[in-house]
Amino acid sequence: MLSLLCEVHNVQVSPDGKYVLLTNNESNNVTVIDAKSYNVVQNVPTGKGTHGIVTSNDNKFVYVTNMYENTVSVIDNNTNKVIGTVAVGEIPNGITYKP
């Protein structure tokens, strides 16, 4: 059974259905979970106040809002590493993706 000791704010299922991604506001990361085994694959550090999350339609990138840094982290979905951070407006909360 999966047990998380963090504050989960949002959940995103990868477009291929293989992974479930959780934003953890208190630990400032994204937890990547295998959808079949429910095992944690990795915790990806992001910015402070991790909150909103969306996956690109091609499943290459994950975009995560960081409310207390006024940024969006860009995660490479193949490596589970942050490859960029984009400054945005104050207290970014939700996020959508439109190709």
C-alpha atoms as a PDB file:
ATOM      1  CA  MET A   1       0.000   0.000   0.000  1.00  0.00           C
ATOM      2  CA  LEU A   2       1.242   3.446  -0.910  1.00  0.00           C
ATOM      3  CA  SER A   3       1.780   5.765   2.024  1.00  0.00           C
ATOM      4  CA  LEU A   4       2.722   9.409   1.560  1.00  0.00           C
ATOM      5  CA  LEU A   5       3.812  11.671   4.391  1.00  0.00           C
ATOM      6  CA  CYS A   6       3.321  14.911   2.540  1.00  0.00           C
ATOM      7  CA  GLU A   7       0.600  17.286   1.481  1.00  0.00           C
ATOM      8  CA  VAL A   8      -0.707  16.244  -1.932  1.00  0.00           C
ATOM      9  CA  HIS A   9      -2.416  19.077  -3.797  1.00  0.00           C
ATOM     10  CA  ASN A  10      -3.014  17.845  -7.330  1.00  0.00           C
ATOM     11  CA  VAL A  11      -2.926  14.604  -9.273  1.00  0.00           C
ATOM     12  CA  GLN A  12      -2.133  14.093 -12.954  1.00  0.00           C
ATOM     13  CA  VAL A  13      -2.220  10.790 -14.839  1.00  0.00           C
ATOM     14  CA  SER A  14       0.292  10.580 -17.673  1.00  0.00           C
ATOM     15  CA  PRO A  15      -1.308  10.464 -21.136  1.00  0.00           C
ATOM     16  CA  ASP A  16      -0.141   6.861 -21.587  1.00  0.00           C
ATOM     17  CA  GLY A  17      -1.675   5.863 -18.226  1.00  0.00           C
ATOM     18  CA  LYS A  18       1.598   4.409 -16.917  1.00  0.00           C
ATOM     19  CA  TYR A  19       2.258   6.951 -14.178  1.00  0.00           C
ATOM     20  CA  VAL A  20       0.422   9.028 -11.605  1.00  0.00           C
ATOM     21  CA  LEU A  21       2.047  12.341 -10.679  1.00  0.00           C
ATOM     22  CA  LEU A  22       1.346  14.046  -7.347  1.00  0.00           C
ATOM     23  CA  THR A  23       2.263  17.611  -6.390  1.00  0.00           C
ATOM     24  CA  ASN A  24       3.455  17.896  -2.793  1.00  0.00           C
ATOM     25  CA  ASN A  25       3.143  21.450  -1.497  1.00  0.00           C
ATOM     26  CA  GLU A  26       5.009  20.991   1.787  1.00  0.00           C
ATOM     27  CA  SER A  27       7.921  18.916   0.470  1.00  0.00           C
ATOM     28  CA  ASN A  28       8.177  20.991  -2.745  1.00  0.00           C
ATOM     29  CA  ASN A  29       8.344  18.083  -5.154  1.00  0.00           C
ATOM     30  CA  VAL A  30       6.433  15.875  -7.560  1.00  0.00           C
ATOM     31  CA  THR A  31       6.031  12.201  -6.688  1.00  0.00           C
ATOM     32  CA  VAL A  32       6.028   9.894  -9.721  1.00  0.00           C
ATOM     33  CA  ILE A  33       4.127   6.645  -9.050  1.00  0.00           C
ATOM     34  CA  ASP A  34       3.899   3.529 -11.215  1.00  0.00           C
ATOM     35  CA  ALA A  35       0.165   3.166 -11.939  1.00  0.00           C
ATOM     36  CA  LYS A  36       0.237  -0.645 -11.906  1.00  0.00           C
ATOM     37  CA  SER A  37       2.422  -1.416  -8.906  1.00  0.00           C
ATOM     38  CA  TYR A  38       1.726   1.791  -6.910  1.00  0.00           C
ATOM     39  CA  ASN A  39       5.454   2.003  -6.201  1.00  0.00           C
ATOM     40  CA  VAL A  40       7.114   5.392  -5.989  1.00  0.00           C
ATOM     41  CA  VAL A  41       9.417   5.738  -8.987  1.00  0.00           C
ATOM     42  CA  GLN A  42      10.950   9.049  -7.971  1.00  0.00           C
ATOM     43  CA  ASN A  43      10.449  12.307  -6.098  1.00  0.00           C
ATOM     44  CA  VAL A  44      11.370  15.225  -8.347  1.00  0.00           C
ATOM     45  CA  PRO A  45      12.386  18.422  -6.483  1.00  0.00           C
ATOM     46  CA  THR A  46      10.700  21.554  -7.853  1.00  0.00           C
ATOM     47  CA  GLY A  47      10.170  25.024  -6.383  1.00  0.00           C
ATOM     48  CA  LYS A  48       8.529  26.175  -3.180  1.00  0.00           C
ATOM     49  CA  GLY A  49       4.783  25.712  -3.010  1.00  0.00           C
ATOM     50  CA  THR A  50       4.434  22.995  -5.662  1.00  0.00           C
ATOM     51  CA  HIS A  51       0.769  23.004  -6.635  1.00  0.00           C
ATOM     52  CA  GLY A  52      -0.654  22.806 -10.190  1.00  0.00           C
ATOM     53  CA  ILE A  53       0.457  20.137 -12.650  1.00  0.00           C
ATOM     54  CA  VAL A  54      -0.137  19.227 -16.282  1.00  0.00           C
ATOM     55  CA  THR A  55       1.520  16.869 -18.752  1.00  0.00           C
ATOM     56  CA  SER A  56       2.107  17.762 -22.396  1.00  0.00           C
ATOM     57  CA  ASN A  57      -0.039  15.798 -24.846  1.00  0.00           C
ATOM     58  CA  ASP A  58       3.040  14.091 -26.287  1.00  0.00           C
ATOM     59  CA  ASN A  59       4.035  13.004 -22.741  1.00  0.00           C
ATOM     60  CA  LYS A  60       7.506  14.588 -23.081  1.00  0.00           C
ATOM     61  CA  PHE A  61       7.158  17.282 -20.433  1.00  0.00           C
ATOM     62  CA  VAL A  62       5.463  17.970 -17.117  1.00  0.00           C
ATOM     63  CA  TYR A  63       4.722  21.552 -16.059  1.00  0.00           C
ATOM     64  CA  VAL A  64       4.370  22.360 -12.348  1.00  0.00           C
ATOM     65  CA  THR A  65       3.431  25.643 -10.671  1.00  0.00           C
ATOM     66  CA  ASN A  66       5.472  26.813  -7.684  1.00  0.00           C
ATOM     67  CA  MET A  67       3.208  29.225  -5.815  1.00  0.00           C
ATOM     68  CA  TYR A  68       5.789  30.706  -3.423  1.00  0.00           C
ATOM     69  CA  GLU A  69       8.437  31.326  -6.090  1.00  0.00           C
ATOM     70  CA  ASN A  70       6.116  32.623  -8.846  1.00  0.00           C
ATOM     71  CA  THR A  71       7.530  30.080 -11.276  1.00  0.00           C
ATOM     72  CA  VAL A  72       6.690  27.026 -13.350  1.00  0.00           C
ATOM     73  CA  SER A  73       9.113  24.078 -13.343  1.00  0.00           C
ATOM     74  CA  VAL A  74       9.521  22.148 -16.590  1.00  0.00           C
ATOM     75  CA  ILE A  75      10.283  18.455 -16.038  1.00  0.00           C
ATOM     76  CA  ASP A  76      11.632  16.132 -18.716  1.00  0.00           C
ATOM     77  CA  ASN A  77       9.331  13.118 -18.474  1.00  0.00           C
ATOM     78  CA  ASN A  78      12.025  10.688 -19.675  1.00  0.00           C
ATOM     79  CA  THR A  79      14.594  11.610 -17.033  1.00  0.00           C
ATOM     80  CA  ASN A  80      12.330  12.986 -14.272  1.00  0.00           C
ATOM     81  CA  LYS A  81      14.651  16.006 -13.995  1.00  0.00           C
ATOM     82  CA  VAL A  82      13.777  19.696 -13.984  1.00  0.00           C
ATOM     83  CA  ILE A  83      15.161  21.103 -17.225  1.00  0.00           C
ATOM     84  CA  GLY A  84      13.932  24.660 -16.840  1.00  0.00           C
ATOM     85  CA  THR A  85      12.153  27.178 -14.667  1.00  0.00           C
ATOM     86  CA  VAL A  86       9.947  29.943 -16.064  1.00  0.00           C
ATOM     87  CA  ALA A  87       9.042  33.109 -14.155  1.00  0.00           C
ATOM     88  CA  VAL A  88       5.284  33.779 -14.196  1.00  0.00           C
ATOM     89  CA  GLY A  89       2.777  36.014 -12.402  1.00  0.00           C
ATOM     90  CA  GLU A  90       2.134  36.088  -8.669  1.00  0.00           C
ATOM     91  CA  ILE A  91       1.096  32.919  -6.842  1.00  0.00           C
ATOM     92  CA  PRO A  92       0.563  30.582  -9.824  1.00  0.00           C
ATOM     93  CA  ASN A  93      -1.977  27.971  -8.905  1.00  0.00           C
ATOM     94  CA  GLY A  94      -3.626  25.953 -11.665  1.00  0.00           C
ATOM     95  CA  ILE A  95      -2.101  25.240 -15.051  1.00  0.00           C
ATOM     96  CA  THR A  96      -3.328  23.961 -18.416  1.00  0.00           C
ATOM     97  CA  TYR A  97      -1.544  22.829 -21.548  1.00  0.00           C
ATOM     98  CA  LYS A  98      -2.563  23.766 -25.067  1.00  0.00           C
ATOM     99  CA  PRO A  99      -0.247  22.711 -27.904  1.00  0.00           C
END
